[in-house]
C-alpha atoms as a PDB file:
ATOM      1  CA  MET A   1     -28.117 -21.346   6.009  1.00  0.00           C
ATOM      2  CA  SER A   2     -28.217 -25.101   5.987  1.00  0.00           C
ATOM      3  CA  ILE A   3     -25.296 -27.382   6.710  1.00  0.00           C
ATOM      4  CA  ASN A   4     -24.288 -30.058   4.249  1.00  0.00           C
ATOM      5  CA  ARG A   5     -24.672 -33.285   6.216  1.00  0.00           C
ATOM      6  CA  THR A   6     -22.007 -35.192   4.282  1.00  0.00           C
ATOM      7  CA  SER A   7     -19.120 -32.758   4.684  1.00  0.00           C
ATOM      8  CA  GLY A   8     -20.299 -30.658   7.648  1.00  0.00           C
ATOM      9  CA  THR A   9     -19.658 -27.372   5.823  1.00  0.00           C
ATOM     10  CA  ALA A  10     -21.903 -24.664   4.455  1.00  0.00           C
ATOM     11  CA  PRO A  11     -22.963 -24.911   0.805  1.00  0.00           C
ATOM     12  CA  ARG A  12     -20.673 -23.247  -1.727  1.00  0.00           C
ATOM     13  CA  SER A  13     -23.206 -20.512  -2.462  1.00  0.00           C
ATOM     14  CA  ALA A  14     -23.173 -19.397   1.185  1.00  0.00           C
ATOM     15  CA  ARG A  15     -19.366 -19.306   1.335  1.00  0.00           C
ATOM     16  CA  GLY A  16     -18.914 -17.187  -1.813  1.00  0.00           C
ATOM     17  CA  PRO A  17     -19.531 -13.728  -0.315  1.00  0.00           C
ATOM     18  CA  ASN A  18     -17.089 -14.395   2.535  1.00  0.00           C
ATOM     19  CA  VAL A  19     -14.357 -15.515   0.149  1.00  0.00           C
ATOM     20  CA  ALA A  20     -14.936 -12.474  -2.070  1.00  0.00           C
ATOM     21  CA  ARG A  21     -14.817 -10.134   0.943  1.00  0.00           C
ATOM     22  CA  THR A  22     -11.612 -11.767   2.168  1.00  0.00           C
ATOM     23  CA  GLN A  23      -9.975 -11.430  -1.242  1.00  0.00           C
ATOM     24  CA  ALA A  24     -11.022  -7.771  -1.481  1.00  0.00           C
ATOM     25  CA  PHE A  25      -9.631  -7.143   1.999  1.00  0.00           C
ATOM     26  CA  LEU A  26      -6.295  -8.751   1.119  1.00  0.00           C
ATOM     27  CA  ARG A  27      -6.048  -6.775  -2.136  1.00  0.00           C
ATOM     28  CA  GLY A  28      -6.721  -3.564  -0.213  1.00  0.00           C
ATOM     29  CA  LEU A  29      -4.168  -4.551   2.420  1.00  0.00           C
ATOM     30  CA  VAL A  30      -1.445  -5.123  -0.169  1.00  0.00           C
ATOM     31  CA  SER A  31      -2.332  -1.837  -1.856  1.00  0.00           C
ATOM     32  CA  GLU A  32      -2.063   0.090   1.424  1.00  0.00           C
ATOM     33  CA  MET A  33       1.197  -1.609   2.391  1.00  0.00           C
ATOM     34  CA  LYS A  34       2.743  -0.423  -0.894  1.00  0.00           C
ATOM     35  CA  ARG A  35       1.912   3.180   0.068  1.00  0.00           C
ATOM     36  CA  VAL A  36       3.640   3.004   3.438  1.00  0.00           C
ATOM     37  CA  THR A  37       6.810   5.057   3.823  1.00  0.00           C
ATOM     38  CA  TRP A  38       9.125   2.635   5.586  1.00  0.00           C
ATOM     39  CA  PRO A  39      11.921   4.012   7.773  1.00  0.00           C
ATOM     40  CA  THR A  40      15.492   3.812   6.580  1.00  0.00           C
ATOM     41  CA  ARG A  41      18.079   1.621   8.298  1.00  0.00           C
ATOM     42  CA  GLU A  42      19.536   4.669  10.042  1.00  0.00           C
ATOM     43  CA  GLU A  43      16.087   5.638  11.375  1.00  0.00           C
ATOM     44  CA  TRP A  44      15.514   2.085  12.679  1.00  0.00           C
ATOM     45  CA  ILE A  45      18.896   2.117  14.430  1.00  0.00           C
ATOM     46  CA  ALA A  46      18.293   5.553  15.950  1.00  0.00           C
ATOM     47  CA  ALA A  47      14.851   4.533  17.213  1.00  0.00           C
ATOM     48  CA  THR A  48      16.245   1.307  18.688  1.00  0.00           C
ATOM     49  CA  VAL A  49      19.106   3.086  20.454  1.00  0.00           C
ATOM     50  CA  LEU A  50      16.684   5.696  21.808  1.00  0.00           C
ATOM     51  CA  THR A  51      14.331   2.987  23.095  1.00  0.00           C
ATOM     52  CA  ILE A  52      17.131   1.058  24.803  1.00  0.00           C
ATOM     53  CA  GLY A  53      18.483   4.290  26.308  1.00  0.00           C
ATOM     54  CA  LEU A  54      15.078   5.258  27.660  1.00  0.00           C
ATOM     55  CA  VAL A  55      14.501   1.801  29.146  1.00  0.00           C
ATOM     56  CA  VAL A  56      17.891   1.886  30.879  1.00  0.00           C
ATOM     57  CA  GLY A  57      17.270   5.458  32.076  1.00  0.00           C
ATOM     58  CA  VAL A  58      13.847   4.659  33.513  1.00  0.00           C
ATOM     59  CA  GLY A  59      15.282   1.527  35.133  1.00  0.00           C
ATOM     60  CA  LEU A  60      18.083   3.507  36.807  1.00  0.00           C
ATOM     61  CA  PHE A  61      15.655   6.198  37.950  1.00  0.00           C
ATOM     62  CA  THR A  62      13.341   3.568  39.429  1.00  0.00           C
ATOM     63  CA  PHE A  63      16.278   1.891  41.179  1.00  0.00           C
ATOM     64  CA  LEU A  64      17.484   5.179  42.675  1.00  0.00           C
ATOM     65  CA  VAL A  65      14.016   6.172  43.883  1.00  0.00           C
ATOM     66  CA  ASP A  66      13.617   2.701  45.410  1.00  0.00           C
ATOM     67  CA  GLN A  67      16.937   3.077  47.239  1.00  0.00           C
ATOM     68  CA  VAL A  68      15.928   6.499  48.603  1.00  0.00           C
ATOM     69  CA  PHE A  69      12.591   5.173  49.868  1.00  0.00           C
ATOM     70  CA  GLU A  70      14.301   2.136  51.389  1.00  0.00           C
ATOM     71  CA  TYR A  71      16.693   4.432  53.280  1.00  0.00           C
ATOM     72  CA  LEU A  72      13.809   6.649  54.456  1.00  0.00           C
ATOM     73  CA  PHE A  73      11.695   3.709  55.620  1.00  0.00           C
ATOM     74  CA  HIS A  74      14.632   2.198  57.526  1.00  0.00           C
ATOM     75  CA  PHE A  75      15.362   5.600  59.072  1.00  0.00           C
ATOM     76  CA  VAL A  76      11.741   6.037  60.182  1.00  0.00           C
ATOM     77  CA  HIS A  77      11.331   2.436  61.317  1.00  0.00           C
ATOM     78  CA  ASN A  78      14.555   2.286  63.388  1.00  0.00           C
ATOM     79  CA  THR A  79      13.794   5.422  65.418  1.00  0.00           C
END
């Protein structure tokens, strides 16, 4: 493929297949997105609440385990 010296881009004939492939990809993407079953508002809310609850739960568990290990290390170190 040669480069057009005046504009610094590939000739139009070399760009055609890429443009056609991109357009076909985008058409396929839109077609697939129309087939997606999107969650309802209630499902989004339930999933969000569950995620926040799990994050808080894991955070509390990690904090408690850290406190237990801190106590044990101080107990072992001070004796």
